[in-house]
């Protein structure tokens, strides 16, 4: 199995799930859809560049960081009392989609984390000491 191809696919899936999750939060009014969202767009742009353009150590380190953040989204959003501290009622319209994007983002992020760490480890081992 080509681990680099798998890493690219899982990273792209994480980016897709992140953007769907973020769009759902903006549509619900949980996140502002204002100019302050520029930081999120910058994160997505760097993540996309790391996945599709950058290679080598820098690209893998950025993918590793994105994977760590993606893996933490479900933990941050689904702790405490209900979904986002009770701001999303469990039986509300669209709650299933919001929870699913959290779970899918976390799972794809975890797989990307393992693959990026493995690629960095292999890169380190293959370089002459």
Protein backbone atom coordinates (compact mmCIF):
# COMPACT_ATOMS: atom_id res chain seq x y z
CA UNK A 1 0.00 0.00 0.00
CA UNK A 2 1.29 3.45 -0.88
CA UNK A 3 1.28 5.31 2.44
CA UNK A 4 1.99 8.70 0.84
CA UNK A 5 -1.12 8.38 -1.34
CA UNK A 6 -3.15 7.30 1.67
CA UNK A 7 -1.83 10.28 3.65
CA UNK A 8 -2.84 12.63 0.83
CA UNK A 9 -6.33 11.13 0.66
CA UNK A 10 -6.90 11.20 4.43
CA UNK A 11 -5.60 14.76 4.65
CA UNK A 12 -7.95 15.86 1.88
CA UNK A 13 -10.83 14.12 3.65
CA UNK A 14 -9.93 15.90 6.90
CA UNK A 15 -9.90 19.22 5.05
CA UNK A 16 -13.31 18.43 3.53
CA UNK A 17 -14.79 17.39 6.89
CA UNK A 18 -13.31 20.48 8.58
CA UNK A 19 -14.82 22.80 5.98
CA UNK A 20 -18.23 21.06 6.19
CA UNK A 21 -18.14 21.22 9.98
CA UNK A 22 -17.14 24.88 9.94
CA UNK A 23 -19.83 25.76 7.37
CA UNK A 24 -22.45 24.03 9.53
CA UNK A 25 -21.35 26.05 12.56
CA UNK A 26 -21.52 29.31 10.58
CA UNK A 27 -24.99 28.39 9.28
CA UNK A 28 -26.16 27.71 12.85
CA UNK A 29 -24.72 30.99 14.13
CA UNK A 30 -22.22 29.24 16.40
CA UNK A 31 -19.26 30.73 14.50
CA UNK A 32 -19.32 34.19 12.96
CA UNK A 33 -19.28 34.31 9.19
CA UNK A 34 -17.37 37.59 9.24
CA UNK A 35 -13.89 38.76 8.33
CA UNK A 36 -12.66 37.15 11.55
CA UNK A 37 -13.07 33.83 9.72
CA UNK A 38 -9.98 34.72 7.70
CA UNK A 39 -7.84 32.82 10.20
CA UNK A 40 -9.75 29.64 9.44
CA UNK A 41 -9.34 30.21 5.72
CA UNK A 42 -5.62 30.65 6.24
CA UNK A 43 -5.47 27.36 8.15
CA UNK A 44 -7.31 25.61 5.31
CA UNK A 45 -5.03 27.16 2.68
CA UNK A 46 -1.84 26.11 4.51
CA UNK A 47 -3.26 22.63 5.09
CA UNK A 48 -4.14 22.30 1.39
CA UNK A 49 -0.68 23.51 0.36
CA UNK A 50 0.96 21.06 2.74
CA UNK A 51 -1.14 18.26 1.27
CA UNK A 52 -0.92 19.08 -2.43
CA UNK A 53 2.14 21.29 -2.99
CA UNK A 54 4.77 20.96 -0.28
CA UNK A 55 6.88 17.90 0.04
CA UNK A 56 9.54 16.67 2.37
CA UNK A 57 9.89 17.47 6.02
CA UNK A 58 8.05 20.82 6.02
CA UNK A 59 4.95 19.38 4.33
CA UNK A 60 4.90 16.40 6.68
CA UNK A 61 5.31 18.57 9.78
CA UNK A 62 2.42 20.79 8.66
CA UNK A 63 0.29 17.70 7.96
CA UNK A 64 1.18 16.36 11.39
CA UNK A 65 0.08 19.63 13.03
CA UNK A 66 -3.16 19.70 11.01
CA UNK A 67 -3.82 16.09 11.96
CA UNK A 68 -3.32 16.83 15.65
CA UNK A 69 -5.78 19.72 15.44
CA UNK A 70 -8.30 17.65 13.46
CA UNK A 71 -8.08 14.85 16.01
CA UNK A 72 -8.85 17.28 18.81
CA UNK A 73 -12.00 18.81 17.32
CA UNK A 74 -14.40 16.10 18.58
CA UNK A 75 -12.81 16.21 22.04
CA UNK A 76 -13.22 19.97 22.27
CA UNK A 77 -16.75 20.09 20.87
CA UNK A 78 -18.40 17.09 22.49
CA UNK A 79 -17.37 17.35 26.12
CA UNK A 80 -19.26 18.74 29.04
CA UNK A 81 -23.02 19.15 28.93
CA UNK A 82 -24.18 18.17 25.49
CA UNK A 83 -22.95 19.39 22.16
CA UNK A 84 -20.92 22.61 22.45
CA UNK A 85 -22.00 23.07 26.03
CA UNK A 86 -25.67 22.50 25.23
CA UNK A 87 -25.86 25.10 22.43
CA UNK A 88 -26.99 22.39 19.98
CA UNK A 89 -29.97 20.38 21.25
CA UNK A 90 -29.43 16.68 20.54
CA UNK A 91 -32.78 16.34 18.75
CA UNK A 92 -32.45 19.51 16.67
CA UNK A 93 -32.48 19.54 12.90
CA UNK A 94 -29.02 18.86 11.54
CA UNK A 95 -27.52 17.69 14.84
CA UNK A 96 -26.73 14.31 13.29
CA UNK A 97 -24.72 15.96 10.48
CA UNK A 98 -22.83 18.15 12.97
CA UNK A 99 -21.94 15.15 15.15
CA UNK A 100 -21.03 13.05 12.11
CA UNK A 101 -18.62 15.69 10.79
CA UNK A 102 -17.01 15.80 14.25
CA UNK A 103 -16.53 12.04 14.29
CA UNK A 104 -15.39 11.83 10.66
CA UNK A 105 -12.94 14.70 11.17
CA UNK A 106 -11.53 13.07 14.29
CA UNK A 107 -11.15 9.66 12.67
CA UNK A 108 -9.54 10.96 9.47
CA UNK A 109 -7.33 13.23 11.54
CA UNK A 110 -6.14 10.32 13.67
CA UNK A 111 -5.31 8.24 10.62
CA UNK A 112 -3.47 11.18 9.06
CA UNK A 113 -1.61 11.66 12.33
CA UNK A 114 -0.35 8.07 12.27
CA UNK A 115 0.59 8.25 8.58
CA UNK A 116 2.35 11.63 8.87
CA UNK A 117 4.29 10.51 11.94
CA UNK A 118 5.28 7.31 10.14
CA UNK A 119 6.39 9.25 7.05
CA UNK A 120 8.47 11.61 9.19
CA UNK A 121 10.01 8.67 11.00
CA UNK A 122 10.86 6.94 7.71
CA UNK A 123 12.30 10.20 6.34
CA UNK A 124 14.52 10.51 9.40
CA UNK A 125 15.69 6.91 9.16
CA UNK A 126 16.45 7.15 5.43
CA UNK A 127 18.71 10.21 5.75
CA UNK A 128 22.41 9.51 6.28
CA UNK A 129 23.56 10.21 9.83
